Amino acid sequence: WGAGGWIAMLAMMFFGLLVLAGFVLLFVWLVRSASGGAGGGRGYGRHD
């Protein structure tokens, strides 16, 4: 825990959280695109 150890630890935690958030957003995008988008499948350009 020298002069810069806590900075490196915070940076690794920050980038780890960014990677985790990226995976969550990718999962949400995949689920929404597989289910027909937002709005229960009545997205823009869809035939009703």
ModelCIF file with pLDDT and N, C-alpha, C, O atoms, coordinates in Angstrom:
data_MODEL
#
_entry.id   MODEL 
#
_entity.id                         1 
_entity.type                       polymer 
_entity.pdbx_number_of_molecules   1 
#
_entity_poly.entity_id                      1 
_entity_poly.type                           'polypeptide(L)' 
_entity_poly.nstd_linkage                   no 
_entity_poly.nstd_monomer                   no 
_entity_poly.pdbx_seq_one_letter_code       WGAGGWIAMLAMMFFGLLVLAGFVLLFVWLVRSASGGAGGGRGYGRHD 
_entity_poly.pdbx_seq_one_letter_code_can   WGAGGWIAMLAMMFFGLLVLAGFVLLFVWLVRSASGGAGGGRGYGRHD 
_entity_poly.pdbx_strand_id                 A 
#
loop_
_entity_poly_seq.entity_id 
_entity_poly_seq.num 
_entity_poly_seq.mon_id 
_entity_poly_seq.hetero 
1 1  TRP n 
1 2  GLY n 
1 3  ALA n 
1 4  GLY n 
1 5  GLY n 
1 6  TRP n 
1 7  ILE n 
1 8  ALA n 
1 9  MET n 
1 10 LEU n 
1 11 ALA n 
1 12 MET n 
1 13 MET n 
1 14 PHE n 
1 15 PHE n 
1 16 GLY n 
1 17 LEU n 
1 18 LEU n 
1 19 VAL n 
1 20 LEU n 
1 21 ALA n 
1 22 GLY n 
1 23 PHE n 
1 24 VAL n 
1 25 LEU n 
1 26 LEU n 
1 27 PHE n 
1 28 VAL n 
1 29 TRP n 
1 30 LEU n 
1 31 VAL n 
1 32 ARG n 
1 33 SER n 
1 34 ALA n 
1 35 SER n 
1 36 GLY n 
1 37 GLY n 
1 38 ALA n 
1 39 GLY n 
1 40 GLY n 
1 41 GLY n 
1 42 ARG n 
1 43 GLY n 
1 44 TYR n 
1 45 GLY n 
1 46 ARG n 
1 47 HIS n 
1 48 ASP n 
#
_struct_asym.id          A 
_struct_asym.entity_id   1 
#
loop_
_ma_qa_metric.id 
_ma_qa_metric.mode 
_ma_qa_metric.name 
_ma_qa_metric.software_group_id 
_ma_qa_metric.type 
1 global pLDDT . pLDDT 
2 local  pLDDT . pLDDT 
#
_ma_qa_metric_global.metric_id      1 
_ma_qa_metric_global.metric_value   79.00 
_ma_qa_metric_global.model_id       1 
_ma_qa_metric_global.ordinal_id     1 
#
loop_
_ma_qa_metric_local.label_asym_id 
_ma_qa_metric_local.label_comp_id 
_ma_qa_metric_local.label_seq_id 
_ma_qa_metric_local.metric_id 
_ma_qa_metric_local.metric_value 
_ma_qa_metric_local.model_id 
_ma_qa_metric_local.ordinal_id 
A TRP 1  2 55.00 1 1  
A GLY 2  2 58.00 1 2  
A ALA 3  2 59.00 1 3  
A GLY 4  2 68.00 1 4  
A GLY 5  2 74.00 1 5  
A TRP 6  2 78.00 1 6  
A ILE 7  2 83.00 1 7  
A ALA 8  2 82.00 1 8  
A MET 9  2 86.00 1 9  
A LEU 10 2 88.00 1 10 
A ALA 11 2 89.00 1 11 
A MET 12 2 92.00 1 12 
A MET 13 2 94.00 1 13 
A PHE 14 2 95.00 1 14 
A PHE 15 2 96.00 1 15 
A GLY 16 2 95.00 1 16 
A LEU 17 2 96.00 1 17 
A LEU 18 2 97.00 1 18 
A VAL 19 2 96.00 1 19 
A LEU 20 2 97.00 1 20 
A ALA 21 2 96.00 1 21 
A GLY 22 2 96.00 1 22 
A PHE 23 2 97.00 1 23 
A VAL 24 2 96.00 1 24 
A LEU 25 2 96.00 1 25 
A LEU 26 2 96.00 1 26 
A PHE 27 2 95.00 1 27 
A VAL 28 2 93.00 1 28 
A TRP 29 2 91.00 1 29 
A LEU 30 2 92.00 1 30 
A VAL 31 2 90.00 1 31 
A ARG 32 2 87.00 1 32 
A SER 33 2 85.00 1 33 
A ALA 34 2 84.00 1 34 
A SER 35 2 78.00 1 35 
A GLY 36 2 66.00 1 36 
A GLY 37 2 58.00 1 37 
A ALA 38 2 54.00 1 38 
A GLY 39 2 53.00 1 39 
A GLY 40 2 51.00 1 40 
A GLY 41 2 50.00 1 41 
A ARG 42 2 49.00 1 42 
A GLY 43 2 50.00 1 43 
A TYR 44 2 51.00 1 44 
A GLY 45 2 53.00 1 45 
A ARG 46 2 60.00 1 46 
A HIS 47 2 69.00 1 47 
A ASP 48 2 78.00 1 48 
#
loop_
_atom_site.group_PDB 
_atom_site.id 
_atom_site.type_symbol 
_atom_site.label_atom_id 
_atom_site.label_alt_id 
_atom_site.label_comp_id 
_atom_site.label_asym_id 
_atom_site.label_entity_id 
_atom_site.label_seq_id 
_atom_site.pdbx_PDB_ins_code 
_atom_site.Cartn_x 
_atom_site.Cartn_y 
_atom_site.Cartn_z 
_atom_site.occupancy 
_atom_site.B_iso_or_equiv 
_atom_site.pdbx_formal_charge 
_atom_site.auth_seq_id 
_atom_site.auth_comp_id 
_atom_site.auth_asym_id 
_atom_site.auth_atom_id 
_atom_site.pdbx_PDB_model_num 
ATOM 1   N N  . TRP A 1 1  ? 0.834   -1.199  0.000   1.00 55.00 ? 1  TRP A N  1 
ATOM 2   C CA . TRP A 1 1  ? 0.000   0.000   0.000   1.00 55.00 ? 1  TRP A CA 1 
ATOM 3   C C  . TRP A 1 1  ? 0.869   1.251   0.000   1.00 55.00 ? 1  TRP A C  1 
ATOM 4   O O  . TRP A 1 1  ? 0.655   2.193   0.762   1.00 55.00 ? 1  TRP A O  1 
ATOM 5   N N  . GLY A 1 2  ? 1.854   1.218   -0.883  1.00 58.00 ? 2  GLY A N  1 
ATOM 6   C CA . GLY A 1 2  ? 2.788   2.337   -0.984  1.00 58.00 ? 2  GLY A CA 1 
ATOM 7   C C  . GLY A 1 2  ? 2.135   3.585   -1.542  1.00 58.00 ? 2  GLY A C  1 
ATOM 8   O O  . GLY A 1 2  ? 0.911   3.711   -1.545  1.00 58.00 ? 2  GLY A O  1 
ATOM 9   N N  . ALA A 1 3  ? 2.949   4.492   -2.007  1.00 59.00 ? 3  ALA A N  1 
ATOM 10  C CA . ALA A 1 3  ? 2.503   5.812   -2.422  1.00 59.00 ? 3  ALA A CA 1 
ATOM 11  C C  . ALA A 1 3  ? 1.467   5.776   -3.532  1.00 59.00 ? 3  ALA A C  1 
ATOM 12  O O  . ALA A 1 3  ? 0.617   6.665   -3.588  1.00 59.00 ? 3  ALA A O  1 
ATOM 13  N N  . GLY A 1 4  ? 1.501   4.789   -4.416  1.00 68.00 ? 4  GLY A N  1 
ATOM 14  C CA . GLY A 1 4  ? 0.541   4.761   -5.521  1.00 68.00 ? 4  GLY A CA 1 
ATOM 15  C C  . GLY A 1 4  ? -0.301  3.510   -5.561  1.00 68.00 ? 4  GLY A C  1 
ATOM 16  O O  . GLY A 1 4  ? -1.050  3.314   -6.518  1.00 68.00 ? 4  GLY A O  1 
ATOM 17  N N  . GLY A 1 5  ? -0.211  2.661   -4.567  1.00 74.00 ? 5  GLY A N  1 
ATOM 18  C CA . GLY A 1 5  ? -0.943  1.397   -4.579  1.00 74.00 ? 5  GLY A CA 1 
ATOM 19  C C  . GLY A 1 5  ? -2.441  1.567   -4.549  1.00 74.00 ? 5  GLY A C  1 
ATOM 20  O O  . GLY A 1 5  ? -3.158  0.838   -5.233  1.00 74.00 ? 5  GLY A O  1 
ATOM 21  N N  . TRP A 1 6  ? -2.933  2.519   -3.767  1.00 78.00 ? 6  TRP A N  1 
ATOM 22  C CA . TRP A 1 6  ? -4.374  2.721   -3.684  1.00 78.00 ? 6  TRP A CA 1 
ATOM 23  C C  . TRP A 1 6  ? -4.934  3.286   -4.973  1.00 78.00 ? 6  TRP A C  1 
ATOM 24  O O  . TRP A 1 6  ? -6.090  3.032   -5.313  1.00 78.00 ? 6  TRP A O  1 
ATOM 25  N N  . ILE A 1 7  ? -4.117  4.061   -5.705  1.00 83.00 ? 7  ILE A N  1 
ATOM 26  C CA . ILE A 1 7  ? -4.570  4.595   -6.998  1.00 83.00 ? 7  ILE A CA 1 
ATOM 27  C C  . ILE A 1 7  ? -4.707  3.453   -8.004  1.00 83.00 ? 7  ILE A C  1 
ATOM 28  O O  . ILE A 1 7  ? -5.673  3.402   -8.766  1.00 83.00 ? 7  ILE A O  1 
ATOM 29  N N  . ALA A 1 8  ? -3.752  2.554   -8.004  1.00 82.00 ? 8  ALA A N  1 
ATOM 30  C CA . ALA A 1 8  ? -3.827  1.409   -8.912  1.00 82.00 ? 8  ALA A CA 1 
ATOM 31  C C  . ALA A 1 8  ? -5.019  0.527   -8.566  1.00 82.00 ? 8  ALA A C  1 
ATOM 32  O O  . ALA A 1 8  ? -5.703  0.020   -9.456  1.00 82.00 ? 8  ALA A O  1 
ATOM 33  N N  . MET A 1 9  ? -5.266  0.343   -7.266  1.00 86.00 ? 9  MET A N  1 
ATOM 34  C CA . MET A 1 9  ? -6.403  -0.465  -6.854  1.00 86.00 ? 9  MET A CA 1 
ATOM 35  C C  . MET A 1 9  ? -7.720  0.173   -7.306  1.00 86.00 ? 9  MET A C  1 
ATOM 36  O O  . MET A 1 9  ? -8.594  -0.532  -7.810  1.00 86.00 ? 9  MET A O  1 
ATOM 37  N N  . LEU A 1 10 ? -7.879  1.469   -7.140  1.00 88.00 ? 10 LEU A N  1 
ATOM 38  C CA . LEU A 1 10 ? -9.096  2.161   -7.570  1.00 88.00 ? 10 LEU A CA 1 
ATOM 39  C C  . LEU A 1 10 ? -9.261  2.105   -9.089  1.00 88.00 ? 10 LEU A C  1 
ATOM 40  O O  . LEU A 1 10 ? -10.371 1.941   -9.596  1.00 88.00 ? 10 LEU A O  1 
ATOM 41  N N  . ALA A 1 11 ? -8.156  2.242   -9.803  1.00 89.00 ? 11 ALA A N  1 
ATOM 42  C CA . ALA A 1 11 ? -8.223  2.176   -11.261 1.00 89.00 ? 11 ALA A CA 1 
ATOM 43  C C  . ALA A 1 11 ? -8.662  0.794   -11.724 1.00 89.00 ? 11 ALA A C  1 
ATOM 44  O O  . ALA A 1 11 ? -9.476  0.678   -12.639 1.00 89.00 ? 11 ALA A O  1 
ATOM 45  N N  . MET A 1 12 ? -8.128  -0.259  -11.097 1.00 92.00 ? 12 MET A N  1 
ATOM 46  C CA . MET A 1 12 ? -8.529  -1.618  -11.467 1.00 92.00 ? 12 MET A CA 1 
ATOM 47  C C  . MET A 1 12 ? -10.001 -1.865  -11.129 1.00 92.00 ? 12 MET A C  1 
ATOM 48  O O  . MET A 1 12 ? -10.708 -2.520  -11.895 1.00 92.00 ? 12 MET A O  1 
ATOM 49  N N  . MET A 1 13 ? -10.460 -1.353  -10.004 1.00 94.00 ? 13 MET A N  1 
ATOM 50  C CA . MET A 1 13 ? -11.872 -1.511  -9.646  1.00 94.00 ? 13 MET A CA 1 
ATOM 51  C C  . MET A 1 13 ? -12.759 -0.759  -10.632 1.00 94.00 ? 13 MET A C  1 
ATOM 52  O O  . MET A 1 13 ? -13.799 -1.276  -11.041 1.00 94.00 ? 13 MET A O  1 
ATOM 53  N N  . PHE A 1 14 ? -12.371 0.443   -11.015 1.00 95.00 ? 14 PHE A N  1 
ATOM 54  C CA . PHE A 1 14 ? -13.141 1.249   -11.957 1.00 95.00 ? 14 PHE A CA 1 
ATOM 55  C C  . PHE A 1 14 ? -13.255 0.552   -13.304 1.00 95.00 ? 14 PHE A C  1 
ATOM 56  O O  . PHE A 1 14 ? -14.350 0.450   -13.856 1.00 95.00 ? 14 PHE A O  1 
ATOM 57  N N  . PHE A 1 15 ? -12.147 0.074   -13.836 1.00 96.00 ? 15 PHE A N  1 
ATOM 58  C CA . PHE A 1 15 ? -12.177 -0.595  -15.130 1.00 96.00 ? 15 PHE A CA 1 
ATOM 59  C C  . PHE A 1 15 ? -12.901 -1.944  -15.041 1.00 96.00 ? 15 PHE A C  1 
ATOM 60  O O  . PHE A 1 15 ? -13.530 -2.367  -16.011 1.00 96.00 ? 15 PHE A O  1 
ATOM 61  N N  . GLY A 1 16 ? -12.820 -2.609  -13.912 1.00 95.00 ? 16 GLY A N  1 
ATOM 62  C CA . GLY A 1 16 ? -13.582 -3.834  -13.723 1.00 95.00 ? 16 GLY A CA 1 
ATOM 63  C C  . GLY A 1 16 ? -15.079 -3.570  -13.739 1.00 95.00 ? 16 GLY A C  1 
ATOM 64  O O  . GLY A 1 16 ? -15.844 -4.332  -14.331 1.00 95.00 ? 16 GLY A O  1 
ATOM 65  N N  . LEU A 1 17 ? -15.499 -2.482  -13.082 1.00 96.00 ? 17 LEU A N  1 
ATOM 66  C CA . LEU A 1 17 ? -16.907 -2.117  -13.109 1.00 96.00 ? 17 LEU A CA 1 
ATOM 67  C C  . LEU A 1 17 ? -17.360 -1.713  -14.508 1.00 96.00 ? 17 LEU A C  1 
ATOM 68  O O  . LEU A 1 17 ? -18.488 -2.007  -14.903 1.00 96.00 ? 17 LEU A O  1 
ATOM 69  N N  . LEU A 1 18 ? -16.497 -1.048  -15.254 1.00 97.00 ? 18 LEU A N  1 
ATOM 70  C CA . LEU A 1 18 ? -16.829 -0.697  -16.642 1.00 97.00 ? 18 LEU A CA 1 
ATOM 71  C C  . LEU A 1 18 ? -17.045 -1.942  -17.492 1.00 97.00 ? 18 LEU A C  1 
ATOM 72  O O  . LEU A 1 18 ? -17.980 -2.003  -18.291 1.00 97.00 ? 18 LEU A O  1 
ATOM 73  N N  . VAL A 1 19 ? -16.180 -2.926  -17.318 1.00 96.00 ? 19 VAL A N  1 
ATOM 74  C CA . VAL A 1 19 ? -16.325 -4.178  -18.074 1.00 96.00 ? 19 VAL A CA 1 
ATOM 75  C C  . VAL A 1 19 ? -17.620 -4.883  -17.671 1.00 96.00 ? 19 VAL A C  1 
ATOM 76  O O  . VAL A 1 19 ? -18.341 -5.392  -18.529 1.00 96.00 ? 19 VAL A O  1 
ATOM 77  N N  . LEU A 1 20 ? -17.917 -4.915  -16.376 1.00 97.00 ? 20 LEU A N  1 
ATOM 78  C CA . LEU A 1 20 ? -19.151 -5.535  -15.904 1.00 97.00 ? 20 LEU A CA 1 
ATOM 79  C C  . LEU A 1 20 ? -20.380 -4.817  -16.460 1.00 97.00 ? 20 LEU A C  1 
ATOM 80  O O  . LEU A 1 20 ? -21.327 -5.468  -16.900 1.00 97.00 ? 20 LEU A O  1 
ATOM 81  N N  . ALA A 1 21 ? -20.373 -3.494  -16.445 1.00 96.00 ? 21 ALA A N  1 
ATOM 82  C CA . ALA A 1 21 ? -21.489 -2.722  -16.994 1.00 96.00 ? 21 ALA A CA 1 
ATOM 83  C C  . ALA A 1 21 ? -21.636 -2.979  -18.488 1.00 96.00 ? 21 ALA A C  1 
ATOM 84  O O  . ALA A 1 21 ? -22.753 -3.040  -19.001 1.00 96.00 ? 21 ALA A O  1 
ATOM 85  N N  . GLY A 1 22 ? -20.521 -3.129  -19.185 1.00 96.00 ? 22 GLY A N  1 
ATOM 86  C CA . GLY A 1 22 ? -20.574 -3.438  -20.614 1.00 96.00 ? 22 GLY A CA 1 
ATOM 87  C C  . GLY A 1 22 ? -21.238 -4.776  -20.877 1.00 96.00 ? 22 GLY A C  1 
ATOM 88  O O  . GLY A 1 22 ? -22.031 -4.902  -21.810 1.00 96.00 ? 22 GLY A O  1 
ATOM 89  N N  . PHE A 1 23 ? -20.925 -5.781  -20.064 1.00 97.00 ? 23 PHE A N  1 
ATOM 90  C CA . PHE A 1 23 ? -21.559 -7.086  -20.224 1.00 97.00 ? 23 PHE A CA 1 
ATOM 91  C C  . PHE A 1 23 ? -23.058 -7.020  -19.931 1.00 97.00 ? 23 PHE A C  1 
ATOM 92  O O  . PHE A 1 23 ? -23.859 -7.647  -20.624 1.00 97.00 ? 23 PHE A O  1 
ATOM 93  N N  . VAL A 1 24 ? -23.432 -6.262  -18.907 1.00 96.00 ? 24 VAL A N  1 
ATOM 94  C CA . VAL A 1 24 ? -24.852 -6.128  -18.577 1.00 96.00 ? 24 VAL A CA 1 
ATOM 95  C C  . VAL A 1 24 ? -25.594 -5.435  -19.716 1.00 96.00 ? 24 VAL A C  1 
ATOM 96  O O  . VAL A 1 24 ? -26.672 -5.880  -20.109 1.00 96.00 ? 24 VAL A O  1 
ATOM 97  N N  . LEU A 1 25 ? -25.031 -4.350  -20.250 1.00 96.00 ? 25 LEU A N  1 
ATOM 98  C CA . LEU A 1 25 ? -25.671 -3.648  -21.361 1.00 96.00 ? 25 LEU A CA 1 
ATOM 99  C C  . LEU A 1 25 ? -25.755 -4.526  -22.604 1.00 96.00 ? 25 LEU A C  1 
ATOM 100 O O  . LEU A 1 25 ? -26.756 -4.486  -23.320 1.00 96.00 ? 25 LEU A O  1 
ATOM 101 N N  . LEU A 1 26 ? -24.729 -5.308  -22.868 1.00 96.00 ? 26 LEU A N  1 
ATOM 102 C CA . LEU A 1 26 ? -24.759 -6.222  -24.007 1.00 96.00 ? 26 LEU A CA 1 
ATOM 103 C C  . LEU A 1 26 ? -25.858 -7.258  -23.825 1.00 96.00 ? 26 LEU A C  1 
ATOM 104 O O  . LEU A 1 26 ? -26.580 -7.563  -24.775 1.00 96.00 ? 26 LEU A O  1 
ATOM 105 N N  . PHE A 1 27 ? -25.997 -7.801  -22.629 1.00 95.00 ? 27 PHE A N  1 
ATOM 106 C CA . PHE A 1 27 ? -27.048 -8.782  -22.353 1.00 95.00 ? 27 PHE A CA 1 
ATOM 107 C C  . PHE A 1 27 ? -28.432 -8.166  -22.543 1.00 95.00 ? 27 PHE A C  1 
ATOM 108 O O  . PHE A 1 27 ? -29.304 -8.782  -23.156 1.00 95.00 ? 27 PHE A O  1 
ATOM 109 N N  . VAL A 1 28 ? -28.639 -6.958  -22.024 1.00 93.00 ? 28 VAL A N  1 
ATOM 110 C CA . VAL A 1 28 ? -29.933 -6.291  -22.165 1.00 93.00 ? 28 VAL A CA 1 
ATOM 111 C C  . VAL A 1 28 ? -30.239 -6.029  -23.634 1.00 93.00 ? 28 VAL A C  1 
ATOM 112 O O  . VAL A 1 28 ? -31.367 -6.236  -24.080 1.00 93.00 ? 28 VAL A O  1 
ATOM 113 N N  . TRP A 1 29 ? -29.247 -5.579  -24.382 1.00 91.00 ? 29 TRP A N  1 
ATOM 114 C CA . TRP A 1 29 ? -29.450 -5.325  -25.815 1.00 91.00 ? 29 TRP A CA 1 
ATOM 115 C C  . TRP A 1 29 ? -29.804 -6.612  -26.556 1.00 91.00 ? 29 TRP A C  1 
ATOM 116 O O  . TRP A 1 29 ? -30.690 -6.611  -27.410 1.00 91.00 ? 29 TRP A O  1 
ATOM 117 N N  . LEU A 1 30 ? -29.121 -7.702  -26.238 1.00 92.00 ? 30 LEU A N  1 
ATOM 118 C CA . LEU A 1 30 ? -29.412 -8.972  -26.899 1.00 92.00 ? 30 LEU A CA 1 
ATOM 119 C C  . LEU A 1 30 ? -30.825 -9.459  -26.584 1.00 92.00 ? 30 LEU A C  1 
ATOM 120 O O  . LEU A 1 30 ? -31.526 -9.946  -27.472 1.00 92.00 ? 30 LEU A O  1 
ATOM 121 N N  . VAL A 1 31 ? -31.244 -9.333  -25.331 1.00 90.00 ? 31 VAL A N  1 
ATOM 122 C CA . VAL A 1 31 ? -32.584 -9.774  -24.947 1.00 90.00 ? 31 VAL A CA 1 
ATOM 123 C C  . VAL A 1 31 ? -33.640 -8.917  -25.635 1.00 90.00 ? 31 VAL A C  1 
ATOM 124 O O  . VAL A 1 31 ? -34.630 -9.442  -26.143 1.00 90.00 ? 31 VAL A O  1 
ATOM 125 N N  . ARG A 1 32 ? -33.434 -7.593  -25.654 1.00 87.00 ? 32 ARG A N  1 
ATOM 126 C CA . ARG A 1 32 ? -34.421 -6.707  -26.277 1.00 87.00 ? 32 ARG A CA 1 
ATOM 127 C C  . ARG A 1 32 ? -34.487 -6.914  -27.783 1.00 87.00 ? 32 ARG A C  1 
ATOM 128 O O  . ARG A 1 32 ? -35.579 -6.882  -28.352 1.00 87.00 ? 32 ARG A O  1 
ATOM 129 N N  . SER A 1 33 ? -33.372 -7.122  -28.435 1.00 85.00 ? 33 SER A N  1 
ATOM 130 C CA . SER A 1 33 ? -33.405 -7.318  -29.878 1.00 85.00 ? 33 SER A CA 1 
ATOM 131 C C  . SER A 1 33 ? -33.997 -8.681  -30.231 1.00 85.00 ? 33 SER A C  1 
ATOM 132 O O  . SER A 1 33 ? -34.608 -8.830  -31.289 1.00 85.00 ? 33 SER A O  1 
ATOM 133 N N  . ALA A 1 34 ? -33.825 -9.675  -29.362 1.00 84.00 ? 34 ALA A N  1 
ATOM 134 C CA . ALA A 1 34 ? -34.403 -10.992 -29.622 1.00 84.00 ? 34 ALA A CA 1 
ATOM 135 C C  . ALA A 1 34 ? -35.912 -10.995 -29.390 1.00 84.00 ? 34 ALA A C  1 
ATOM 136 O O  . ALA A 1 34 ? -36.633 -11.779 -30.008 1.00 84.00 ? 34 ALA A O  1 
ATOM 137 N N  . SER A 1 35 ? -36.395 -10.120 -28.498 1.00 78.00 ? 35 SER A N  1 
ATOM 138 C CA . SER A 1 35 ? -37.827 -10.090 -28.199 1.00 78.00 ? 35 SER A CA 1 
ATOM 139 C C  . SER A 1 35 ? -38.576 -9.079  -29.042 1.00 78.00 ? 35 SER A C  1 
ATOM 140 O O  . SER A 1 35 ? -39.772 -8.883  -28.828 1.00 78.00 ? 35 SER A O  1 
ATOM 141 N N  . GLY A 1 36 ? -37.935 -8.441  -29.976 1.00 66.00 ? 36 GLY A N  1 
ATOM 142 C CA . GLY A 1 36 ? -38.633 -7.512  -30.858 1.00 66.00 ? 36 GLY A CA 1 
ATOM 143 C C  . GLY A 1 36 ? -38.520 -6.062  -30.452 1.00 66.00 ? 36 GLY A C  1 
ATOM 144 O O  . GLY A 1 36 ? -39.280 -5.234  -30.954 1.00 66.00 ? 36 GLY A O  1 
ATOM 145 N N  . GLY A 1 37 ? -37.619 -5.723  -29.578 1.00 58.00 ? 37 GLY A N  1 
ATOM 146 C CA . GLY A 1 37 ? -37.413 -4.334  -29.203 1.00 58.00 ? 37 GLY A CA 1 
ATOM 147 C C  . GLY A 1 37 ? -38.317 -3.893  -28.070 1.00 58.00 ? 37 GLY A C  1 
ATOM 148 O O  . GLY A 1 37 ? -39.057 -4.693  -27.498 1.00 58.00 ? 37 GLY A O  1 
ATOM 149 N N  . ALA A 1 38 ? -38.247 -2.606  -27.753 1.00 54.00 ? 38 ALA A N  1 
ATOM 150 C CA . ALA A 1 38 ? -39.024 -2.046  -26.658 1.00 54.00 ? 38 ALA A CA 1 
ATOM 151 C C  . ALA A 1 38 ? -40.477 -1.887  -27.086 1.00 54.00 ? 38 ALA A C  1 
ATOM 152 O O  . ALA A 1 38 ? -40.782 -1.861  -28.278 1.00 54.00 ? 38 ALA A O  1 
ATOM 153 N N  . GLY A 1 39 ? -41.352 -1.782  -26.128 1.00 53.00 ? 39 GLY A N  1 
ATOM 154 C CA . GLY A 1 39 ? -42.753 -1.534  -26.414 1.00 53.00 ? 39 GLY A CA 1 
ATOM 155 C C  . GLY A 1 39 ? -43.548 -2.773  -26.745 1.00 53.00 ? 39 GLY A C  1 
ATOM 156 O O  . GLY A 1 39 ? -44.580 -2.678  -27.410 1.00 53.00 ? 39 GLY A O  1 
ATOM 157 N N  . GLY A 1 40 ? -43.103 -3.928  -26.303 1.00 51.00 ? 40 GLY A N  1 
ATOM 158 C CA . GLY A 1 40 ? -43.869 -5.135  -26.509 1.00 51.00 ? 40 GLY A CA 1 
ATOM 159 C C  . GLY A 1 40 ? -43.909 -5.614  -27.936 1.00 51.00 ? 40 GLY A C  1 
ATOM 160 O O  . GLY A 1 40 ? -44.889 -6.239  -28.344 1.00 51.00 ? 40 GLY A O  1 
ATOM 161 N N  . GLY A 1 41 ? -42.887 -5.345  -28.703 1.00 50.00 ? 41 GLY A N  1 
ATOM 162 C CA . GLY A 1 41 ? -42.829 -5.848  -30.056 1.00 50.00 ? 41 GLY A CA 1 
ATOM 163 C C  . GLY A 1 41 ? -43.464 -4.952  -31.093 1.00 50.00 ? 41 GLY A C  1 
ATOM 164 O O  . GLY A 1 41 ? -43.567 -5.346  -32.255 1.00 50.00 ? 41 GLY A O  1 
ATOM 165 N N  . ARG A 1 42 ? -43.896 -3.759  -30.719 1.00 49.00 ? 42 ARG A N  1 
ATOM 166 C CA . ARG A 1 42 ? -44.478 -2.835  -31.687 1.00 49.00 ? 42 ARG A CA 1 
ATOM 167 C C  . ARG A 1 42 ? -43.530 -1.676  -31.928 1.00 49.00 ? 42 ARG A C  1 
ATOM 168 O O  . ARG A 1 42 ? -43.905 -0.517  -31.749 1.00 49.00 ? 42 ARG A O  1 
ATOM 169 N N  . GLY A 1 43 ? -42.327 -1.974  -32.327 1.00 50.00 ? 43 GLY A N  1 
ATOM 170 C CA . GLY A 1 43 ? -41.338 -0.935  -32.564 1.00 50.00 ? 43 GLY A CA 1 
ATOM 171 C C  . GLY A 1 43 ? -41.582 -0.216  -33.874 1.00 50.00 ? 43 GLY A C  1 
ATOM 172 O O  . GLY A 1 43 ? -42.487 -0.566  -34.632 1.00 50.00 ? 43 GLY A O  1 
ATOM 173 N N  . TYR A 1 44 ? -40.774 0.780   -34.130 1.00 51.00 ? 44 TYR A N  1 
ATOM 174 C CA . TYR A 1 44 ? -40.896 1.568   -35.343 1.00 51.00 ? 44 TYR A CA 1 
ATOM 175 C C  . TYR A 1 44 ? -40.710 0.682   -36.564 1.00 51.00 ? 44 TYR A C  1 
ATOM 176 O O  . TYR A 1 44 ? -39.772 -0.113  -36.628 1.00 51.00 ? 44 TYR A O  1 
ATOM 177 N N  . GLY A 1 45 ? -41.601 0.820   -37.524 1.00 53.00 ? 45 GLY A N  1 
ATOM 178 C CA . GLY A 1 45 ? -41.487 0.068   -38.761 1.00 53.00 ? 45 GLY A CA 1 
ATOM 179 C C  . GLY A 1 45 ? -42.055 -1.336  -38.693 1.00 53.00 ? 45 GLY A C  1 
ATOM 180 O O  . GLY A 1 45 ? -41.924 -2.096  -39.652 1.00 53.00 ? 45 GLY A O  1 
ATOM 181 N N  . ARG A 1 46 ? -42.674 -1.694  -37.598 1.00 60.00 ? 46 ARG A N  1 
ATOM 182 C CA . ARG A 1 46 ? -43.233 -3.034  -37.479 1.00 60.00 ? 46 ARG A CA 1 
ATOM 183 C C  . ARG A 1 46 ? -44.667 -3.027  -37.998 1.00 60.00 ? 46 ARG A C  1 
ATOM 184 O O  . ARG A 1 46 ? -45.376 -2.027  -37.891 1.00 60.00 ? 46 ARG A O  1 
ATOM 185 N N  . HIS A 1 47 ? -45.074 -4.143  -38.553 1.00 69.00 ? 47 HIS A N  1 
ATOM 186 C CA . HIS A 1 47 ? -46.413 -4.296  -39.080 1.00 69.00 ? 47 HIS A CA 1 
ATOM 187 C C  . HIS A 1 47 ? -47.353 -4.671  -37.947 1.00 69.00 ? 47 HIS A C  1 
ATOM 188 O O  . HIS A 1 47 ? -47.077 -5.600  -37.189 1.00 69.00 ? 47 HIS A O  1 
ATOM 189 N N  . ASP A 1 48 ? -48.467 -3.947  -37.830 1.00 78.00 ? 48 ASP A N  1 
ATOM 190 C CA . ASP A 1 48 ? -49.430 -4.202  -36.767 1.00 78.00 ? 48 ASP A CA 1 
ATOM 191 C C  . ASP A 1 48 ? -50.676 -4.846  -37.369 1.00 78.00 ? 48 ASP A C  1 
ATOM 192 O O  . ASP A 1 48 ? -51.625 -5.149  -36.647 1.00 78.00 ? 48 ASP A O  1 
#
